[in-house]
Amino acid sequence: MLATAAIADELELVGWRREVAELYAAVRQASSPQNGHALWRAGRDRLFQEHPQSPLAPDDPLRGGLPYAAYEPTLRWQLTIQPVADNRRVMVQTAPGESTRLRRLGHIALPAPINATIAVWWLEQYGGGLFIPIRDGTAGTTSYGGGRYLIDTTKGADLGGRDRQLTVDLNFLFNPSCRYDAQWQCPLAPADNVIDSAIHAGEQI
């Protein structure tokens, strides 16, 4: 019975990741960024409410809907990944006694009103993937204290781009699942992704 339950849990997690990837694919095809954001919010709320892998406890009031800031069109850009001389690697903690390795791939410059530069990382696990976390000036007040995620292509969270450009939309910042359940493992923002500017957009607390 234990083996059967483990298989069910793993397949449920695969299903969660599949639905996230399908949701972002639909967002990329939306008629406008605002419509895509509304679609993303509804899809994310549905997953957190109904999916068996939801990090929310069954009686958590957030199952009625996660808090988000209103969509702000000025926080969306097409940004080029700029190379860096030092493609250093860092180990970041994901849970007590657990860590993962990141390689700095480059950086992007967030224009006004943010005016900050953040690193673009390559996750050296799961076959690799782009990873951009941000811990901004709202951390611990209106957003999760450990920071939020913007892009995590290993989990399907990808707004698109071409060549060396990325679609960067801060309205899609979301809390890692460990914000809701400590059993989830979540790499938090390294120092290169901690900024002073306050981003009043995306998922809130």
N, C-alpha and C. Protein backbone atom coordinates (compact mmCIF):
# COMPACT_ATOMS: atom_id res chain seq x y z
N MET A 1 0.82 -1.21 0.00
CA MET A 1 0.00 0.00 0.00
C MET A 1 0.85 1.26 0.00
N LEU A 2 1.98 1.24 0.76
CA LEU A 2 2.84 2.42 0.81
C LEU A 2 3.43 2.71 -0.56
N ALA A 3 3.85 1.67 -1.28
CA ALA A 3 4.41 1.87 -2.61
C ALA A 3 3.37 2.43 -3.56
N THR A 4 2.14 1.95 -3.45
CA THR A 4 1.07 2.45 -4.30
C THR A 4 0.78 3.92 -4.01
N ALA A 5 0.79 4.29 -2.73
CA ALA A 5 0.55 5.68 -2.36
C ALA A 5 1.67 6.58 -2.88
N ALA A 6 2.92 6.08 -2.83
CA ALA A 6 4.04 6.87 -3.33
C ALA A 6 3.91 7.12 -4.82
N ILE A 7 3.50 6.10 -5.57
CA ILE A 7 3.30 6.27 -7.01
C ILE A 7 2.23 7.31 -7.27
N ALA A 8 1.13 7.25 -6.50
CA ALA A 8 0.04 8.22 -6.68
C ALA A 8 0.51 9.63 -6.41
N ASP A 9 1.30 9.81 -5.36
CA ASP A 9 1.81 11.14 -5.02
C ASP A 9 2.70 11.68 -6.14
N GLU A 10 3.59 10.84 -6.64
CA GLU A 10 4.51 11.30 -7.69
C GLU A 10 3.74 11.66 -8.96
N LEU A 11 2.75 10.86 -9.33
CA LEU A 11 1.98 11.15 -10.52
C LEU A 11 1.14 12.41 -10.35
N GLU A 12 0.68 12.65 -9.14
CA GLU A 12 -0.06 13.90 -8.87
C GLU A 12 0.86 15.10 -9.06
N LEU A 13 2.11 14.99 -8.61
CA LEU A 13 3.06 16.08 -8.77
C LEU A 13 3.38 16.31 -10.25
N VAL A 14 3.52 15.24 -11.00
CA VAL A 14 3.70 15.36 -12.45
C VAL A 14 2.51 16.09 -13.06
N GLY A 15 1.31 15.74 -12.60
CA GLY A 15 0.11 16.41 -13.09
C GLY A 15 0.08 17.88 -12.77
N TRP A 16 0.52 18.24 -11.57
CA TRP A 16 0.60 19.65 -11.17
C TRP A 16 1.52 20.42 -12.11
N ARG A 17 2.72 19.87 -12.34
CA ARG A 17 3.68 20.56 -13.20
C ARG A 17 3.17 20.65 -14.64
N ARG A 18 2.49 19.60 -15.08
CA ARG A 18 1.93 19.63 -16.43
C ARG A 18 0.90 20.73 -16.56
N GLU A 19 0.04 20.87 -15.56
CA GLU A 19 -0.99 21.91 -15.62
C GLU A 19 -0.40 23.31 -15.55
N VAL A 20 0.67 23.48 -14.77
CA VAL A 20 1.34 24.78 -14.73
C VAL A 20 1.92 25.12 -16.10
N ALA A 21 2.57 24.15 -16.73
CA ALA A 21 3.15 24.39 -18.06
C ALA A 21 2.06 24.72 -19.07
N GLU A 22 0.93 24.02 -19.00
CA GLU A 22 -0.18 24.30 -19.92
C GLU A 22 -0.77 25.67 -19.66
N LEU A 23 -0.82 26.08 -18.40
CA LEU A 23 -1.34 27.39 -18.06
C LEU A 23 -0.47 28.49 -18.66
N TYR A 24 0.85 28.37 -18.51
CA TYR A 24 1.75 29.39 -19.07
C TYR A 24 1.71 29.39 -20.60
N ALA A 25 1.52 28.22 -21.20
CA ALA A 25 1.39 28.17 -22.66
C ALA A 25 0.16 28.96 -23.10
N ALA A 26 -0.94 28.82 -22.37
CA ALA A 26 -2.15 29.59 -22.68
C ALA A 26 -1.94 31.07 -22.46
N VAL A 27 -1.19 31.43 -21.41
CA VAL A 27 -0.90 32.84 -21.14
C VAL A 27 -0.12 33.46 -22.30
N ARG A 28 0.86 32.72 -22.83
CA ARG A 28 1.66 33.25 -23.94
C ARG A 28 0.83 33.48 -25.20
N GLN A 29 -0.28 32.76 -25.31
CA GLN A 29 -1.14 32.89 -26.48
C GLN A 29 -2.30 33.86 -26.26
N ALA A 30 -2.40 34.46 -25.10
CA ALA A 30 -3.52 35.35 -24.77
C ALA A 30 -3.52 36.58 -25.67
N SER A 31 -4.69 37.18 -25.84
CA SER A 31 -4.85 38.32 -26.75
C SER A 31 -4.18 39.59 -26.23
N SER A 32 -3.93 39.67 -24.95
CA SER A 32 -3.25 40.83 -24.36
C SER A 32 -2.59 40.39 -23.07
N PRO A 33 -1.56 41.13 -22.62
CA PRO A 33 -0.94 40.78 -21.33
C PRO A 33 -1.95 40.79 -20.18
N GLN A 34 -2.88 41.75 -20.20
CA GLN A 34 -3.88 41.82 -19.13
C GLN A 34 -4.77 40.58 -19.12
N ASN A 35 -5.19 40.15 -20.32
CA ASN A 35 -6.01 38.94 -20.39
C ASN A 35 -5.20 37.71 -19.97
N GLY A 36 -3.93 37.69 -20.36
CA GLY A 36 -3.08 36.60 -19.93
C GLY A 36 -2.91 36.55 -18.43
N HIS A 37 -2.80 37.72 -17.82
CA HIS A 37 -2.66 37.78 -16.37
C HIS A 37 -3.92 37.30 -15.67
N ALA A 38 -5.08 37.69 -16.19
CA ALA A 38 -6.35 37.23 -15.61
C ALA A 38 -6.47 35.71 -15.73
N LEU A 39 -6.04 35.18 -16.87
CA LEU A 39 -6.06 33.74 -17.08
C LEU A 39 -5.12 33.04 -16.11
N TRP A 40 -3.95 33.62 -15.91
CA TRP A 40 -2.97 33.05 -14.98
C TRP A 40 -3.50 33.05 -13.55
N ARG A 41 -4.09 34.15 -13.14
CA ARG A 41 -4.66 34.22 -11.79
C ARG A 41 -5.73 33.17 -11.58
N ALA A 42 -6.64 33.05 -12.53
CA ALA A 42 -7.73 32.09 -12.40
C ALA A 42 -7.19 30.66 -12.38
N GLY A 43 -6.21 30.38 -13.25
CA GLY A 43 -5.65 29.05 -13.28
C GLY A 43 -4.88 28.70 -12.02
N ARG A 44 -4.13 29.67 -11.53
CA ARG A 44 -3.36 29.43 -10.30
C ARG A 44 -4.31 29.24 -9.11
N ASP A 45 -5.35 30.04 -9.03
CA ASP A 45 -6.34 29.87 -7.97
C ASP A 45 -6.99 28.49 -8.03
N ARG A 46 -7.31 28.05 -9.26
CA ARG A 46 -7.95 26.74 -9.41
C ARG A 46 -7.02 25.62 -8.94
N LEU A 47 -5.74 25.70 -9.31
CA LEU A 47 -4.80 24.68 -8.87
C LEU A 47 -4.70 24.65 -7.35
N PHE A 48 -4.57 25.81 -6.74
CA PHE A 48 -4.43 25.87 -5.28
C PHE A 48 -5.71 25.43 -4.57
N GLN A 49 -6.83 25.59 -5.22
CA GLN A 49 -8.10 25.21 -4.60
C GLN A 49 -8.41 23.73 -4.78
N GLU A 50 -8.15 23.19 -5.97
CA GLU A 50 -8.68 21.88 -6.32
C GLU A 50 -7.64 20.77 -6.44
N HIS A 51 -6.41 21.09 -6.76
CA HIS A 51 -5.45 20.04 -7.09
C HIS A 51 -5.00 19.30 -5.83
N PRO A 52 -4.86 17.97 -5.90
CA PRO A 52 -4.42 17.22 -4.71
C PRO A 52 -3.01 17.57 -4.25
N GLN A 53 -2.20 18.19 -5.10
CA GLN A 53 -0.86 18.61 -4.71
C GLN A 53 -0.81 20.07 -4.25
N SER A 54 -1.95 20.67 -4.01
CA SER A 54 -1.97 22.05 -3.52
C SER A 54 -1.19 22.15 -2.23
N PRO A 55 -0.32 23.16 -2.09
CA PRO A 55 0.41 23.33 -0.84
C PRO A 55 -0.44 23.90 0.29
N LEU A 56 -1.68 24.24 -0.01
CA LEU A 56 -2.56 24.80 1.02
C LEU A 56 -3.25 23.70 1.80
N ALA A 57 -3.37 23.89 3.11
CA ALA A 57 -4.14 22.96 3.94
C ALA A 57 -5.60 22.99 3.49
N PRO A 58 -6.34 21.90 3.67
CA PRO A 58 -7.73 21.85 3.21
C PRO A 58 -8.61 22.97 3.76
N ASP A 59 -8.32 23.44 4.97
CA ASP A 59 -9.15 24.48 5.58
C ASP A 59 -8.54 25.87 5.45
N ASP A 60 -7.48 26.02 4.64
CA ASP A 60 -6.84 27.32 4.49
C ASP A 60 -7.78 28.27 3.74
N PRO A 61 -8.06 29.45 4.30
CA PRO A 61 -8.96 30.39 3.62
C PRO A 61 -8.45 30.85 2.27
N LEU A 62 -7.14 30.72 2.00
CA LEU A 62 -6.60 31.11 0.70
C LEU A 62 -7.08 30.19 -0.42
N ARG A 63 -7.69 29.06 -0.08
CA ARG A 63 -8.28 28.22 -1.13
C ARG A 63 -9.43 28.96 -1.83
N GLY A 64 -9.89 30.01 -1.23
CA GLY A 64 -10.91 30.83 -1.88
C GLY A 64 -10.34 31.82 -2.87
N GLY A 65 -9.01 31.91 -2.96
CA GLY A 65 -8.37 32.82 -3.90
C GLY A 65 -7.13 33.44 -3.29
N LEU A 66 -6.04 33.44 -4.06
CA LEU A 66 -4.78 34.03 -3.60
C LEU A 66 -4.82 35.55 -3.80
N PRO A 67 -4.12 36.31 -2.96
CA PRO A 67 -4.10 37.77 -3.12
C PRO A 67 -3.10 38.22 -4.17
N TYR A 68 -3.52 39.13 -5.04
CA TYR A 68 -2.66 39.68 -6.08
C TYR A 68 -2.84 41.19 -6.14
N ALA A 69 -1.80 41.87 -6.56
CA ALA A 69 -1.92 43.30 -6.88
C ALA A 69 -2.59 43.44 -8.24
N ALA A 70 -3.21 44.59 -8.47
CA ALA A 70 -3.83 44.86 -9.77
C ALA A 70 -2.76 44.91 -10.85
N TYR A 71 -3.13 44.54 -12.08
CA TYR A 71 -2.17 44.51 -13.18
C TYR A 71 -1.66 45.91 -13.49
N GLU A 72 -0.33 46.03 -13.62
CA GLU A 72 0.31 47.31 -13.93
C GLU A 72 1.08 47.16 -15.25
N PRO A 73 0.55 47.73 -16.35
CA PRO A 73 1.16 47.52 -17.67
C PRO A 73 2.59 48.02 -17.80
N THR A 74 3.00 48.99 -16.99
CA THR A 74 4.34 49.54 -17.13
C THR A 74 5.43 48.62 -16.59
N LEU A 75 5.06 47.49 -16.03
CA LEU A 75 6.03 46.57 -15.46
C LEU A 75 6.28 45.36 -16.35
N ARG A 76 6.08 45.55 -17.65
CA ARG A 76 6.31 44.47 -18.62
C ARG A 76 7.28 44.97 -19.69
N TRP A 77 8.32 44.14 -19.98
CA TRP A 77 9.33 44.50 -20.96
C TRP A 77 9.84 43.27 -21.70
N GLN A 78 10.51 43.53 -22.83
CA GLN A 78 11.33 42.52 -23.50
C GLN A 78 12.79 42.89 -23.19
N LEU A 79 13.46 42.05 -22.43
CA LEU A 79 14.80 42.39 -21.94
C LEU A 79 15.84 41.40 -22.44
N THR A 80 17.00 41.92 -22.77
CA THR A 80 18.10 41.09 -23.25
C THR A 80 18.94 40.60 -22.08
N ILE A 81 19.27 39.32 -22.11
CA ILE A 81 20.18 38.77 -21.11
C ILE A 81 21.60 39.22 -21.45
N GLN A 82 22.19 39.98 -20.57
CA GLN A 82 23.54 40.48 -20.77
C GLN A 82 24.55 39.49 -20.19
N PRO A 83 25.62 39.20 -20.92
CA PRO A 83 26.61 38.25 -20.40
C PRO A 83 27.37 38.83 -19.21
N VAL A 84 27.94 37.95 -18.43
CA VAL A 84 28.77 38.36 -17.29
C VAL A 84 30.12 37.67 -17.40
N ALA A 85 31.13 38.32 -16.88
CA ALA A 85 32.48 37.76 -16.96
C ALA A 85 32.63 36.56 -16.03
N ASP A 86 31.87 36.55 -14.96
CA ASP A 86 32.00 35.50 -13.94
C ASP A 86 30.73 34.66 -13.93
N ASN A 87 30.79 33.50 -14.55
CA ASN A 87 29.64 32.57 -14.52
C ASN A 87 29.75 31.67 -13.29
N ARG A 88 29.80 32.31 -12.15
CA ARG A 88 30.03 31.56 -10.91
C ARG A 88 28.84 30.71 -10.53
N ARG A 89 29.12 29.75 -9.69
CA ARG A 89 28.08 28.86 -9.18
C ARG A 89 27.86 29.14 -7.70
N VAL A 90 26.63 28.98 -7.26
CA VAL A 90 26.31 29.13 -5.85
C VAL A 90 25.45 27.95 -5.42
N MET A 91 25.58 27.60 -4.17
CA MET A 91 24.69 26.60 -3.56
C MET A 91 23.68 27.35 -2.72
N VAL A 92 22.41 27.11 -2.96
CA VAL A 92 21.37 27.77 -2.18
C VAL A 92 20.55 26.72 -1.45
N GLN A 93 20.17 27.06 -0.24
CA GLN A 93 19.39 26.14 0.57
C GLN A 93 17.96 26.10 0.06
N THR A 94 17.40 24.90 -0.02
CA THR A 94 16.01 24.73 -0.43
C THR A 94 15.13 24.27 0.72
N ALA A 95 15.72 23.64 1.71
CA ALA A 95 15.03 23.16 2.90
C ALA A 95 16.11 22.80 3.91
N PRO A 96 15.77 22.61 5.18
CA PRO A 96 16.79 22.22 6.15
C PRO A 96 17.55 20.97 5.69
N GLY A 97 18.87 21.12 5.53
CA GLY A 97 19.69 20.00 5.10
C GLY A 97 19.65 19.72 3.61
N GLU A 98 18.95 20.54 2.83
CA GLU A 98 18.84 20.34 1.38
C GLU A 98 19.30 21.60 0.65
N SER A 99 19.93 21.42 -0.51
CA SER A 99 20.39 22.57 -1.29
C SER A 99 20.39 22.21 -2.76
N THR A 100 20.53 23.23 -3.59
CA THR A 100 20.66 23.02 -5.03
C THR A 100 21.70 23.99 -5.57
N ARG A 101 22.22 23.71 -6.77
CA ARG A 101 23.29 24.52 -7.32
C ARG A 101 22.78 25.35 -8.48
N LEU A 102 23.16 26.62 -8.49
CA LEU A 102 22.81 27.55 -9.55
C LEU A 102 24.08 28.06 -10.22
N ARG A 103 24.02 28.26 -11.54
CA ARG A 103 25.12 28.88 -12.28
C ARG A 103 24.63 30.20 -12.87
N ARG A 104 25.37 31.27 -12.61
CA ARG A 104 24.95 32.58 -13.12
C ARG A 104 25.16 32.63 -14.63
N LEU A 105 24.07 32.80 -15.35
CA LEU A 105 24.10 32.79 -16.81
C LEU A 105 24.33 34.19 -17.37
N GLY A 106 23.81 35.21 -16.70
CA GLY A 106 23.91 36.59 -17.15
C GLY A 106 23.10 37.46 -16.23
N HIS A 107 22.72 38.66 -16.72
CA HIS A 107 21.85 39.51 -15.91
C HIS A 107 20.93 40.30 -16.82
N ILE A 108 19.86 40.80 -16.23
CA ILE A 108 18.93 41.68 -16.93
C ILE A 108 18.78 42.96 -16.11
N ALA A 109 18.59 44.05 -16.82
CA ALA A 109 18.41 45.35 -16.18
C ALA A 109 16.92 45.71 -16.22
N LEU A 110 16.31 45.79 -15.06
CA LEU A 110 14.90 46.17 -14.97
C LEU A 110 14.79 47.69 -15.08
N PRO A 111 14.04 48.18 -16.08
CA PRO A 111 13.95 49.64 -16.29
C PRO A 111 13.15 50.32 -15.18
N ALA A 112 13.00 51.65 -15.33
CA ALA A 112 12.16 52.43 -14.42
C ALA A 112 10.73 51.88 -14.47
N PRO A 113 10.03 51.88 -13.35
CA PRO A 113 10.38 52.54 -12.09
C PRO A 113 11.21 51.68 -11.13
N ILE A 114 11.66 50.49 -11.57
CA ILE A 114 12.39 49.61 -10.67
C ILE A 114 13.88 49.97 -10.63
N ASN A 115 14.47 50.13 -11.81
CA ASN A 115 15.88 50.54 -11.90
C ASN A 115 16.80 49.65 -11.07
N ALA A 116 16.84 48.38 -11.45
CA ALA A 116 17.68 47.43 -10.72
C ALA A 116 18.18 46.37 -11.70
N THR A 117 19.30 45.79 -11.37
CA THR A 117 19.87 44.70 -12.17
C THR A 117 19.82 43.42 -11.35
N ILE A 118 19.34 42.35 -11.98
CA ILE A 118 19.24 41.07 -11.28
C ILE A 118 19.87 39.97 -12.13
N ALA A 119 20.34 38.93 -11.47
CA ALA A 119 21.00 37.82 -12.15
C ALA A 119 19.97 36.88 -12.76
N VAL A 120 20.36 36.29 -13.89
CA VAL A 120 19.62 35.19 -14.51
C VAL A 120 20.43 33.93 -14.24
N TRP A 121 19.78 32.94 -13.63
CA TRP A 121 20.49 31.73 -13.19
C TRP A 121 20.09 30.54 -14.05
N TRP A 122 21.01 29.57 -14.10
CA TRP A 122 20.73 28.28 -14.71
C TRP A 122 20.69 27.25 -13.58
N LEU A 123 19.55 26.58 -13.45
CA LEU A 123 19.40 25.54 -12.43
C LEU A 123 20.14 24.29 -12.90
N GLU A 124 21.11 23.87 -12.15
CA GLU A 124 21.88 22.69 -12.55
C GLU A 124 21.28 21.43 -11.93
N GLN A 125 20.01 21.21 -12.28
CA GLN A 125 19.29 20.01 -11.86
C GLN A 125 18.13 19.81 -12.84
N TYR A 126 17.49 18.69 -12.77
CA TYR A 126 16.35 18.38 -13.65
C TYR A 126 16.70 18.52 -15.13
N GLY A 127 17.99 18.48 -15.50
CA GLY A 127 18.36 18.74 -16.88
C GLY A 127 18.57 20.21 -17.17
N GLY A 128 18.41 21.07 -16.17
CA GLY A 128 18.68 22.50 -16.33
C GLY A 128 17.44 23.31 -16.63
N GLY A 129 17.54 24.63 -16.43
CA GLY A 129 16.44 25.53 -16.72
C GLY A 129 16.74 26.92 -16.21
N LEU A 130 16.09 27.92 -16.82
CA LEU A 130 16.25 29.31 -16.38
C LEU A 130 15.51 29.52 -15.07
N PHE A 131 16.13 30.32 -14.21
CA PHE A 131 15.54 30.59 -12.90
C PHE A 131 15.82 32.03 -12.53
N ILE A 132 14.75 32.81 -12.29
CA ILE A 132 14.90 34.21 -11.87
C ILE A 132 14.01 34.44 -10.65
N PRO A 133 14.59 34.40 -9.46
CA PRO A 133 13.87 34.80 -8.25
C PRO A 133 14.15 36.28 -7.98
N ILE A 134 13.28 36.92 -7.22
CA ILE A 134 13.50 38.31 -6.82
C ILE A 134 13.02 38.49 -5.38
N ARG A 135 13.89 39.07 -4.57
CA ARG A 135 13.48 39.52 -3.24
C ARG A 135 13.58 41.04 -3.26
N ASP A 136 12.43 41.70 -3.23
CA ASP A 136 12.42 43.16 -3.39
C ASP A 136 12.08 43.85 -2.07
N GLY A 137 11.90 45.16 -2.16
CA GLY A 137 11.66 45.96 -0.96
C GLY A 137 10.36 45.71 -0.25
N THR A 138 9.45 44.93 -0.85
CA THR A 138 8.19 44.61 -0.17
C THR A 138 8.29 43.31 0.63
N ALA A 139 9.42 42.59 0.54
CA ALA A 139 9.56 41.30 1.20
C ALA A 139 9.34 41.42 2.71
N GLY A 140 8.47 40.59 3.21
CA GLY A 140 8.17 40.59 4.63
C GLY A 140 7.05 41.53 5.03
N THR A 141 6.58 42.35 4.08
CA THR A 141 5.46 43.25 4.37
C THR A 141 4.25 42.86 3.51
N THR A 142 4.32 43.18 2.21
CA THR A 142 3.20 42.80 1.34
C THR A 142 3.54 41.61 0.44
N SER A 143 4.81 41.15 0.47
CA SER A 143 5.16 39.95 -0.27
C SER A 143 5.96 39.02 0.64
N TYR A 144 6.10 37.78 0.21
CA TYR A 144 6.76 36.75 1.01
C TYR A 144 8.19 37.16 1.37
N GLY A 145 8.56 36.98 2.62
CA GLY A 145 9.85 37.42 3.12
C GLY A 145 11.04 36.78 2.44
N GLY A 146 10.87 35.57 1.92
CA GLY A 146 11.96 34.89 1.26
C GLY A 146 12.11 35.26 -0.20
N GLY A 147 11.20 36.09 -0.70
CA GLY A 147 11.24 36.47 -2.10
C GLY A 147 10.24 35.69 -2.94
N ARG A 148 10.12 36.10 -4.20
CA ARG A 148 9.17 35.47 -5.12
C ARG A 148 9.90 35.00 -6.37
N TYR A 149 9.20 34.23 -7.19
CA TYR A 149 9.75 33.74 -8.44
C TYR A 149 9.14 34.50 -9.60
N LEU A 150 9.96 34.76 -10.60
CA LEU A 150 9.49 35.39 -11.84
C LEU A 150 9.48 34.38 -12.98
N ILE A 151 10.59 33.67 -13.13
CA ILE A 151 10.72 32.64 -14.16
C ILE A 151 11.34 31.40 -13.53
N ASP A 152 10.76 30.25 -13.85
CA ASP A 152 11.30 28.96 -13.41
C ASP A 152 10.91 27.96 -14.49
N THR A 153 11.74 27.85 -15.53
CA THR A 153 11.33 27.06 -16.69
C THR A 153 11.28 25.56 -16.40
N THR A 154 11.98 25.10 -15.36
CA THR A 154 11.90 23.68 -15.03
C THR A 154 10.51 23.31 -14.54
N LYS A 155 9.77 24.29 -14.03
CA LYS A 155 8.40 24.05 -13.56
C LYS A 155 7.36 24.59 -14.54
N GLY A 156 7.82 25.07 -15.71
CA GLY A 156 6.88 25.56 -16.72
C GLY A 156 6.55 27.03 -16.62
N ALA A 157 7.09 27.73 -15.62
CA ALA A 157 6.79 29.16 -15.42
C ALA A 157 7.67 29.98 -16.36
N ASP A 158 7.13 30.28 -17.55
CA ASP A 158 7.92 30.87 -18.62
C ASP A 158 7.01 31.72 -19.49
N LEU A 159 7.27 33.03 -19.53
CA LEU A 159 6.44 33.94 -20.30
C LEU A 159 6.91 34.09 -21.75
N GLY A 160 8.02 33.44 -22.11
CA GLY A 160 8.47 33.44 -23.49
C GLY A 160 9.63 34.37 -23.75
N GLY A 161 9.98 34.47 -25.02
CA GLY A 161 11.11 35.27 -25.45
C GLY A 161 11.76 34.60 -26.65
N ARG A 162 12.73 35.27 -27.24
CA ARG A 162 13.45 34.69 -28.37
C ARG A 162 14.87 35.21 -28.37
N ASP A 163 15.77 34.41 -28.99
CA ASP A 163 17.18 34.72 -29.00
C ASP A 163 17.65 34.92 -27.55
N ARG A 164 18.24 36.07 -27.24
CA ARG A 164 18.71 36.31 -25.87
C ARG A 164 17.75 37.20 -25.09
N GLN A 165 16.54 37.37 -25.60
CA GLN A 165 15.57 38.22 -24.93
C GLN A 165 14.55 37.37 -24.15
N LEU A 166 14.10 37.94 -23.04
CA LEU A 166 13.07 37.33 -22.23
C LEU A 166 11.90 38.29 -22.09
N THR A 167 10.69 37.73 -22.09
CA THR A 167 9.53 38.52 -21.69
C THR A 167 9.52 38.58 -20.17
N VAL A 168 9.69 39.76 -19.65
CA VAL A 168 9.75 39.97 -18.20
C VAL A 168 8.54 40.81 -17.80
N ASP A 169 7.67 40.23 -17.00
CA ASP A 169 6.46 40.90 -16.55
C ASP A 169 6.35 40.69 -15.05
N LEU A 170 6.62 41.74 -14.29
CA LEU A 170 6.65 41.63 -12.83
C LEU A 170 5.28 41.37 -12.23
N ASN A 171 4.23 41.54 -13.02
CA ASN A 171 2.89 41.21 -12.53
C ASN A 171 2.71 39.71 -12.32
N PHE A 172 3.63 38.92 -12.88
CA PHE A 172 3.54 37.46 -12.76
C PHE A 172 4.44 36.92 -11.65
N LEU A 173 5.00 37.78 -10.82
CA LEU A 173 5.75 37.30 -9.66
C LEU A 173 4.85 36.44 -8.78
N PHE A 174 5.35 35.29 -8.37
CA PHE A 174 4.52 34.41 -7.54
C PHE A 174 5.33 33.85 -6.38
N ASN A 175 4.61 33.53 -5.32
CA ASN A 175 5.26 32.97 -4.13
C ASN A 175 5.66 31.52 -4.37
N PRO A 176 6.86 31.12 -3.91
CA PRO A 176 7.21 29.70 -3.97
C PRO A 176 6.28 28.90 -3.05
N SER A 177 6.11 27.63 -3.37
CA SER A 177 5.16 26.81 -2.61
C SER A 177 5.54 26.68 -1.15
N CYS A 178 6.86 26.82 -0.82
CA CYS A 178 7.26 26.71 0.59
C CYS A 178 6.71 27.85 1.43
N ARG A 179 6.21 28.92 0.79
CA ARG A 179 5.55 29.98 1.55
C ARG A 179 4.28 29.45 2.20
N TYR A 180 3.67 28.41 1.60
CA TYR A 180 2.41 27.86 2.08
C TYR A 180 2.57 26.55 2.83
N ASP A 181 3.65 25.81 2.53
CA ASP A 181 3.85 24.51 3.15
C ASP A 181 5.35 24.24 3.21
N ALA A 182 5.87 24.10 4.44
CA ALA A 182 7.31 23.94 4.63
C ALA A 182 7.84 22.62 4.07
N GLN A 183 6.96 21.69 3.71
CA GLN A 183 7.42 20.42 3.15
C GLN A 183 7.94 20.58 1.72
N TRP A 184 7.58 21.69 1.06
CA TRP A 184 8.07 21.94 -0.29
C TRP A 184 9.48 22.50 -0.21
N GLN A 185 10.32 22.13 -1.18
CA GLN A 185 11.69 22.63 -1.24
C GLN A 185 11.75 23.78 -2.25
N CYS A 186 12.25 24.93 -1.82
CA CYS A 186 12.25 26.11 -2.67
C CYS A 186 13.58 26.85 -2.54
N PRO A 187 14.36 26.94 -3.62
CA PRO A 187 15.56 27.78 -3.56
C PRO A 187 15.16 29.25 -3.49
N LEU A 188 15.71 29.96 -2.55
CA LEU A 188 15.37 31.37 -2.37
C LEU A 188 16.38 32.26 -3.09
N ALA A 189 16.06 33.53 -3.18
CA ALA A 189 16.84 34.46 -3.98
C ALA A 189 18.26 34.64 -3.44
N PRO A 190 19.28 34.40 -4.29
CA PRO A 190 20.65 34.72 -3.88
C PRO A 190 20.84 36.24 -3.78
N ALA A 191 22.00 36.66 -3.29
CA ALA A 191 22.25 38.09 -3.08
C ALA A 191 22.13 38.89 -4.38
N ASP A 192 22.48 38.27 -5.52
CA ASP A 192 22.41 38.96 -6.81
C ASP A 192 20.97 39.28 -7.23
N ASN A 193 20.01 38.73 -6.53
CA ASN A 193 18.60 38.92 -6.88
C ASN A 193 17.82 39.59 -5.76
N VAL A 194 18.54 40.23 -4.86
CA VAL A 194 17.91 41.01 -3.79
C VAL A 194 18.06 42.48 -4.15
N ILE A 195 16.92 43.18 -4.23
CA ILE A 195 16.95 44.60 -4.63
C ILE A 195 16.22 45.44 -3.59
N ASP A 196 16.56 46.73 -3.55
CA ASP A 196 15.92 47.64 -2.61
C ASP A 196 14.57 48.15 -3.11
N SER A 197 14.41 48.25 -4.42
CA SER A 197 13.17 48.79 -4.99
C SER A 197 11.98 47.93 -4.58
N ALA A 198 10.86 48.59 -4.35
CA ALA A 198 9.63 47.89 -3.98
C ALA A 198 8.81 47.59 -5.24
N ILE A 199 8.49 46.33 -5.44
CA ILE A 199 7.68 45.91 -6.58
C ILE A 199 6.26 45.66 -6.09
N HIS A 200 5.37 46.61 -6.34
CA HIS A 200 3.98 46.48 -5.90
C HIS A 200 3.17 45.82 -7.01
N ALA A 201 3.51 44.56 -7.26
CA ALA A 201 2.86 43.80 -8.32
C ALA A 201 2.99 42.32 -8.00
N GLY A 202 2.18 41.52 -8.67
CA GLY A 202 2.26 40.09 -8.51
C GLY A 202 1.53 39.57 -7.29
N GLU A 203 1.85 38.33 -6.94
CA GLU A 203 1.19 37.68 -5.80
C GLU A 203 1.65 38.31 -4.50
N GLN A 204 0.70 38.48 -3.60
CA GLN A 204 0.95 39.13 -2.32
C GLN A 204 0.85 38.13 -1.17
N ILE A 205 0.94 38.63 0.05
CA ILE A 205 0.70 37.78 1.22
C ILE A 205 -0.45 38.38 2.01
